[in-house]
């Protein structure tokens, strides 16, 4: 925590860095960002001009030959009783820790494996809200892609109209996008945070 537990300006960071301060490449700090919340960051050491040298020194202190490439057969799902053969990979286009819809079913991408939703999210109004958010998110991503990569104005206009329809439907059913239930439901989605 920076600067101290219980302090409203405190932010969380990994305890590893308390135990290994030599691996911290700057001074712990909590800075106010775009939306006014304090986020953890590092400020350069006073007079430090070369992070490259500090990084190289830190890397040289790391233990060697301990990295094991990801193996889906040893994933969290397989340790929890699912066999490796029952793991179905998520589509390559879906970011890790994202929700996605495939053949009408909502899934979660857990380190490359398609994972069913927890019971709290898998029925009724919450599921409908989640499906609506996914459609809205995916249509927004497509609008942005078309704006950046396509010169087809008709296709862009059609996609923008679809985005507007998704937005109006969501707002009519669940209220504004910036309400608490939306933030809570999608708070860990990397597409929203990035």
C-alpha atoms as a PDB file:
ATOM      1  CA  UNK A   1       0.000   0.000   0.000  1.00  0.00           C
ATOM      2  CA  UNK A   2       1.125   3.530  -0.685  1.00  0.00           C
ATOM      3  CA  UNK A   3       1.421   5.480   1.595  1.00  0.00           C
ATOM      4  CA  UNK A   4      -0.246   3.500   4.412  1.00  0.00           C
ATOM      5  CA  UNK A   5      -3.046   1.090   5.306  1.00  0.00           C
ATOM      6  CA  UNK A   6      -6.350   2.863   5.944  1.00  0.00           C
ATOM      7  CA  UNK A   7      -5.179   6.056   4.283  1.00  0.00           C
ATOM      8  CA  UNK A   8      -7.731   7.206   1.669  1.00  0.00           C
ATOM      9  CA  UNK A   9      -4.833   7.988  -0.689  1.00  0.00           C
ATOM     10  CA  UNK A  10      -3.434   4.442  -0.331  1.00  0.00           C
ATOM     11  CA  UNK A  11      -3.176   2.197  -3.366  1.00  0.00           C
ATOM     12  CA  UNK A  12      -2.444  -1.527  -3.539  1.00  0.00           C
ATOM     13  CA  UNK A  13       0.643  -3.040  -5.084  1.00  0.00           C
ATOM     14  CA  UNK A  14       2.243  -6.480  -4.984  1.00  0.00           C
ATOM     15  CA  UNK A  15       3.888  -7.437  -1.658  1.00  0.00           C
ATOM     16  CA  UNK A  16       6.800  -8.854  -3.646  1.00  0.00           C
ATOM     17  CA  UNK A  17       8.093  -5.316  -4.029  1.00  0.00           C
ATOM     18  CA  UNK A  18       8.101  -4.788  -0.248  1.00  0.00           C
ATOM     19  CA  UNK A  19      10.202  -7.924   0.074  1.00  0.00           C
ATOM     20  CA  UNK A  20      12.444  -7.039  -2.901  1.00  0.00           C
ATOM     21  CA  UNK A  21      12.854  -3.245  -3.027  1.00  0.00           C
ATOM     22  CA  UNK A  22      15.854  -3.698  -5.345  1.00  0.00           C
ATOM     23  CA  UNK A  23      13.362  -4.713  -8.053  1.00  0.00           C
ATOM     24  CA  UNK A  24      11.474  -1.412  -7.835  1.00  0.00           C
ATOM     25  CA  UNK A  25      12.759   0.814 -10.627  1.00  0.00           C
ATOM     26  CA  UNK A  26      11.573   4.086  -9.102  1.00  0.00           C
ATOM     27  CA  UNK A  27       9.846   5.673  -6.123  1.00  0.00           C
ATOM     28  CA  UNK A  28       6.370   4.393  -5.150  1.00  0.00           C
ATOM     29  CA  UNK A  29       3.734   7.038  -5.739  1.00  0.00           C
ATOM     30  CA  UNK A  30      -0.018   7.534  -5.963  1.00  0.00           C
ATOM     31  CA  UNK A  31      -0.969   9.916  -8.748  1.00  0.00           C
ATOM     32  CA  UNK A  32      -4.335  11.347  -9.667  1.00  0.00           C
ATOM     33  CA  UNK A  33      -5.384  10.306 -13.174  1.00  0.00           C
ATOM     34  CA  UNK A  34      -8.052  11.286 -15.724  1.00  0.00           C
ATOM     35  CA  UNK A  35     -11.053  10.373 -13.565  1.00  0.00           C
ATOM     36  CA  UNK A  36      -9.620  11.744 -10.351  1.00  0.00           C
ATOM     37  CA  UNK A  37      -8.788   8.470  -8.624  1.00  0.00           C
ATOM     38  CA  UNK A  38      -5.351   7.821  -7.221  1.00  0.00           C
ATOM     39  CA  UNK A  39      -3.476   5.166  -9.182  1.00  0.00           C
ATOM     40  CA  UNK A  40      -0.237   3.462  -8.253  1.00  0.00           C
ATOM     41  CA  UNK A  41       2.752   4.501 -10.300  1.00  0.00           C
ATOM     42  CA  UNK A  42       6.516   4.797 -10.043  1.00  0.00           C
ATOM     43  CA  UNK A  43       8.363   8.087 -10.315  1.00  0.00           C
ATOM     44  CA  UNK A  44      11.962   7.970 -11.557  1.00  0.00           C
ATOM     45  CA  UNK A  45      14.663   8.170  -8.917  1.00  0.00           C
ATOM     46  CA  UNK A  46      16.047  11.692  -8.451  1.00  0.00           C
ATOM     47  CA  UNK A  47      18.536  12.411 -11.239  1.00  0.00           C
ATOM     48  CA  UNK A  48      18.002   8.985 -12.844  1.00  0.00           C
ATOM     49  CA  UNK A  49      18.430   9.258 -16.595  1.00  0.00           C
ATOM     50  CA  UNK A  50      18.704   5.620 -17.681  1.00  0.00           C
ATOM     51  CA  UNK A  51      15.993   3.120 -16.857  1.00  0.00           C
ATOM     52  CA  UNK A  52      17.640   0.709 -19.304  1.00  0.00           C
ATOM     53  CA  UNK A  53      20.639   0.180 -16.988  1.00  0.00           C
ATOM     54  CA  UNK A  54      18.412  -0.209 -13.889  1.00  0.00           C
ATOM     55  CA  UNK A  55      16.213  -2.715 -15.730  1.00  0.00           C
ATOM     56  CA  UNK A  56      19.231  -4.725 -16.898  1.00  0.00           C
ATOM     57  CA  UNK A  57      20.581  -4.857 -13.322  1.00  0.00           C
ATOM     58  CA  UNK A  58      17.207  -6.031 -12.007  1.00  0.00           C
ATOM     59  CA  UNK A  59      16.915  -8.715 -14.700  1.00  0.00           C
ATOM     60  CA  UNK A  60      20.376 -10.056 -13.862  1.00  0.00           C
ATOM     61  CA  UNK A  61      19.246 -10.751 -10.266  1.00  0.00           C
ATOM     62  CA  UNK A  62      16.307 -12.921 -11.369  1.00  0.00           C
ATOM     63  CA  UNK A  63      16.659 -16.699 -11.011  1.00  0.00           C
ATOM     64  CA  UNK A  64      17.295 -18.611 -14.236  1.00  0.00           C
ATOM     65  CA  UNK A  65      15.415 -21.480 -15.895  1.00  0.00           C
ATOM     66  CA  UNK A  66      12.225 -21.179 -13.851  1.00  0.00           C
ATOM     67  CA  UNK A  67       9.812 -20.159 -16.607  1.00  0.00           C
ATOM     68  CA  UNK A  68       7.353 -22.838 -17.685  1.00  0.00           C
ATOM     69  CA  UNK A  69       5.312 -22.083 -20.805  1.00  0.00           C
ATOM     70  CA  UNK A  70       1.533 -22.124 -20.371  1.00  0.00           C
ATOM     71  CA  UNK A  71       0.093 -25.608 -20.738  1.00  0.00           C
ATOM     72  CA  UNK A  72      -3.738 -25.727 -20.926  1.00  0.00           C
ATOM     73  CA  UNK A  73      -3.724 -29.299 -19.617  1.00  0.00           C
ATOM     74  CA  UNK A  74      -2.463 -27.912 -16.300  1.00  0.00           C
ATOM     75  CA  UNK A  75      -4.854 -24.968 -16.205  1.00  0.00           C
ATOM     76  CA  UNK A  76      -7.025 -23.999 -13.263  1.00  0.00           C
ATOM     77  CA  UNK A  77      -9.950 -25.821 -14.890  1.00  0.00           C
ATOM     78  CA  UNK A  78      -8.078 -29.108 -15.135  1.00  0.00           C
ATOM     79  CA  UNK A  79      -6.926 -28.826 -11.515  1.00  0.00           C
ATOM     80  CA  UNK A  80     -10.572 -28.296 -10.547  1.00  0.00           C
ATOM     81  CA  UNK A  81     -11.662 -31.630 -11.978  1.00  0.00           C
ATOM     82  CA  UNK A  82     -12.093 -30.909 -15.691  1.00  0.00           C
ATOM     83  CA  UNK A  83      -9.899 -33.108 -17.836  1.00  0.00           C
ATOM     84  CA  UNK A  84      -7.617 -31.546 -20.399  1.00  0.00           C
ATOM     85  CA  UNK A  85      -9.670 -33.149 -23.155  1.00  0.00           C
ATOM     86  CA  UNK A  86     -12.795 -31.305 -21.956  1.00  0.00           C
ATOM     87  CA  UNK A  87     -11.117 -27.899 -22.295  1.00  0.00           C
ATOM     88  CA  UNK A  88     -12.370 -26.019 -25.316  1.00  0.00           C
ATOM     89  CA  UNK A  89     -10.196 -23.121 -26.415  1.00  0.00           C
ATOM     90  CA  UNK A  90     -11.600 -19.622 -26.663  1.00  0.00           C
ATOM     91  CA  UNK A  91     -11.451 -17.936 -30.067  1.00  0.00           C
ATOM     92  CA  UNK A  92      -8.081 -16.294 -30.757  1.00  0.00           C
ATOM     93  CA  UNK A  93      -9.808 -12.953 -31.298  1.00  0.00           C
ATOM     94  CA  UNK A  94     -11.082 -12.793 -27.683  1.00  0.00           C
ATOM     95  CA  UNK A  95      -8.844 -11.093 -25.125  1.00  0.00           C
ATOM     96  CA  UNK A  96      -7.981 -13.008 -21.987  1.00  0.00           C
ATOM     97  CA  UNK A  97     -10.467 -12.511 -19.127  1.00  0.00           C
ATOM     98  CA  UNK A  98     -13.176 -11.272 -21.510  1.00  0.00           C
ATOM     99  CA  UNK A  99     -16.759 -12.352 -21.919  1.00  0.00           C
ATOM    100  CA  UNK A 100     -17.831 -13.520 -25.372  1.00  0.00           C
ATOM    101  CA  UNK A 101     -20.862 -15.052 -27.044  1.00  0.00           C
ATOM    102  CA  UNK A 102     -20.630 -18.197 -29.144  1.00  0.00           C
ATOM    103  CA  UNK A 103     -23.780 -19.762 -30.607  1.00  0.00           C
ATOM    104  CA  UNK A 104     -25.962 -17.803 -28.197  1.00  0.00           C
ATOM    105  CA  UNK A 105     -24.061 -18.852 -25.053  1.00  0.00           C
ATOM    106  CA  UNK A 106     -21.980 -16.422 -22.994  1.00  0.00           C
ATOM    107  CA  UNK A 107     -18.517 -17.678 -22.076  1.00  0.00           C
ATOM    108  CA  UNK A 108     -15.502 -16.302 -20.221  1.00  0.00           C
ATOM    109  CA  UNK A 109     -11.996 -16.594 -21.672  1.00  0.00           C
ATOM    110  CA  UNK A 110      -9.857 -17.937 -18.826  1.00  0.00           C
ATOM    111  CA  UNK A 111      -6.270 -18.118 -20.075  1.00  0.00           C
ATOM    112  CA  UNK A 112      -7.329 -19.385 -23.479  1.00  0.00           C
ATOM    113  CA  UNK A 113      -9.976 -21.834 -22.236  1.00  0.00           C
ATOM    114  CA  UNK A 114     -13.682 -21.144 -22.670  1.00  0.00           C
ATOM    115  CA  UNK A 115     -15.220 -21.224 -19.205  1.00  0.00           C
ATOM    116  CA  UNK A 116     -18.927 -21.266 -18.304  1.00  0.00           C
ATOM    117  CA  UNK A 117     -20.284 -18.283 -16.405  1.00  0.00           C
ATOM    118  CA  UNK A 118     -20.672 -18.476 -12.651  1.00  0.00           C
ATOM    119  CA  UNK A 119     -24.230 -19.225 -11.524  1.00  0.00           C
ATOM    120  CA  UNK A 120     -24.779 -15.610 -10.392  1.00  0.00           C
ATOM    121  CA  UNK A 121     -24.302 -14.396 -13.978  1.00  0.00           C
ATOM    122  CA  UNK A 122     -25.900 -17.235 -15.895  1.00  0.00           C
ATOM    123  CA  UNK A 123     -29.609 -16.595 -15.642  1.00  0.00           C
ATOM    124  CA  UNK A 124     -32.371 -14.039 -15.904  1.00  0.00           C
ATOM    125  CA  UNK A 125     -31.907 -10.314 -16.107  1.00  0.00           C
ATOM    126  CA  UNK A 126     -28.173 -10.381 -15.324  1.00  0.00           C
ATOM    127  CA  UNK A 127     -27.508 -12.692 -18.269  1.00  0.00           C
ATOM    128  CA  UNK A 128     -29.618 -10.485 -20.557  1.00  0.00           C
ATOM    129  CA  UNK A 129     -27.682  -7.416 -19.361  1.00  0.00           C
ATOM    130  CA  UNK A 130     -24.361  -9.176 -19.923  1.00  0.00           C
ATOM    131  CA  UNK A 131     -25.357 -10.222 -23.455  1.00  0.00           C
ATOM    132  CA  UNK A 132     -26.456  -6.648 -24.182  1.00  0.00           C
ATOM    133  CA  UNK A 133     -23.143  -5.259 -22.928  1.00  0.00           C
ATOM    134  CA  UNK A 134     -21.144  -7.741 -24.997  1.00  0.00           C
ATOM    135  CA  UNK A 135     -23.097  -6.815 -28.148  1.00  0.00           C
ATOM    136  CA  UNK A 136     -22.557  -3.117 -27.413  1.00  0.00           C
ATOM    137  CA  UNK A 137     -18.822  -3.608 -26.726  1.00  0.00           C
ATOM    138  CA  UNK A 138     -18.264  -5.742 -29.823  1.00  0.00           C
ATOM    139  CA  UNK A 139     -20.170  -3.339 -32.088  1.00  0.00           C
ATOM    140  CA  UNK A 140     -18.162  -0.408 -30.709  1.00  0.00           C
ATOM    141  CA  UNK A 141     -14.931  -2.298 -31.435  1.00  0.00           C
ATOM    142  CA  UNK A 142     -16.138  -2.905 -35.003  1.00  0.00           C
ATOM    143  CA  UNK A 143     -16.991   0.799 -35.479  1.00  0.00           C
ATOM    144  CA  UNK A 144     -13.497   1.745 -34.312  1.00  0.00           C
ATOM    145  CA  UNK A 145     -11.932  -0.877 -36.594  1.00  0.00           C
ATOM    146  CA  UNK A 146     -13.876   0.424 -39.582  1.00  0.00           C
ATOM    147  CA  UNK A 147     -12.949   4.022 -38.786  1.00  0.00           C
ATOM    148  CA  UNK A 148      -9.278   3.122 -38.697  1.00  0.00           C
ATOM    149  CA  UNK A 149      -9.013   0.536 -41.469  1.00  0.00           C
ATOM    150  CA  UNK A 150     -11.818   0.961 -43.975  1.00  0.00           C
ATOM    151  CA  UNK A 151     -12.768   3.543 -46.525  1.00  0.00           C
ATOM    152  CA  UNK A 152     -16.265   2.099 -46.950  1.00  0.00           C
ATOM    153  CA  UNK A 153     -18.453   4.894 -45.555  1.00  0.00           C
ATOM    154  CA  UNK A 154     -21.661   2.918 -46.118  1.00  0.00           C
ATOM    155  CA  UNK A 155     -20.439  -0.008 -44.057  1.00  0.00           C
ATOM    156  CA  UNK A 156     -19.271   2.383 -41.318  1.00  0.00           C
ATOM    157  CA  UNK A 157     -22.620   4.208 -41.244  1.00  0.00           C
ATOM    158  CA  UNK A 158     -24.461   0.877 -41.023  1.00  0.00           C
ATOM    159  CA  UNK A 159     -22.287  -0.256 -38.138  1.00  0.00           C
ATOM    160  CA  UNK A 160     -22.712   3.115 -36.364  1.00  0.00           C
ATOM    161  CA  UNK A 161     -26.489   2.744 -36.692  1.00  0.00           C
ATOM    162  CA  UNK A 162     -26.258  -0.749 -35.205  1.00  0.00           C
ATOM    163  CA  UNK A 163     -24.188   0.676 -32.325  1.00  0.00           C
ATOM    164  CA  UNK A 164     -26.823   3.335 -31.702  1.00  0.00           C
ATOM    165  CA  UNK A 165     -29.555   0.667 -31.646  1.00  0.00           C
ATOM    166  CA  UNK A 166     -27.584  -1.455 -29.162  1.00  0.00           C
ATOM    167  CA  UNK A 167     -26.980   1.603 -26.987  1.00  0.00           C
ATOM    168  CA  UNK A 168     -30.626   2.744 -27.017  1.00  0.00           C
ATOM    169  CA  UNK A 169     -31.809  -0.789 -26.222  1.00  0.00           C
ATOM    170  CA  UNK A 170     -29.328  -1.091 -23.357  1.00  0.00           C
ATOM    171  CA  UNK A 171     -30.261   2.305 -21.942  1.00  0.00           C
ATOM    172  CA  UNK A 172     -33.990   1.508 -22.167  1.00  0.00           C
ATOM    173  CA  UNK A 173     -33.544  -1.797 -20.325  1.00  0.00           C
ATOM    174  CA  UNK A 174     -30.793  -1.049 -17.807  1.00  0.00           C
ATOM    175  CA  UNK A 175     -30.283   2.707 -17.603  1.00  0.00           C
ATOM    176  CA  UNK A 176     -27.132   4.663 -18.434  1.00  0.00           C
ATOM    177  CA  UNK A 177     -23.879   2.870 -19.215  1.00  0.00           C
ATOM    178  CA  UNK A 178     -22.133   4.616 -16.352  1.00  0.00           C
ATOM    179  CA  UNK A 179     -24.438   3.214 -13.667  1.00  0.00           C
ATOM    180  CA  UNK A 180     -23.134   1.046 -10.841  1.00  0.00           C
ATOM    181  CA  UNK A 181     -24.573  -2.269 -12.075  1.00  0.00           C
ATOM    182  CA  UNK A 182     -22.852  -1.882 -15.454  1.00  0.00           C
ATOM    183  CA  UNK A 183     -19.537  -0.952 -13.875  1.00  0.00           C
ATOM    184  CA  UNK A 184     -19.737  -3.911 -11.486  1.00  0.00           C
ATOM    185  CA  UNK A 185     -20.685  -6.403 -14.189  1.00  0.00           C
ATOM    186  CA  UNK A 186     -17.934  -5.409 -16.619  1.00  0.00           C
ATOM    187  CA  UNK A 187     -15.282  -4.066 -14.216  1.00  0.00           C
ATOM    188  CA  UNK A 188     -12.671  -6.728 -15.056  1.00  0.00           C
ATOM    189  CA  UNK A 189     -13.178  -6.809 -18.821  1.00  0.00           C
ATOM    190  CA  UNK A 190      -9.845  -5.810 -20.434  1.00  0.00           C
ATOM    191  CA  UNK A 191     -11.639  -4.232 -23.397  1.00  0.00           C
ATOM    192  CA  UNK A 192     -13.273  -1.730 -21.060  1.00  0.00           C
ATOM    193  CA  UNK A 193     -10.154  -0.989 -19.027  1.00  0.00           C
ATOM    194  CA  UNK A 194      -7.938  -0.431 -22.050  1.00  0.00           C
END
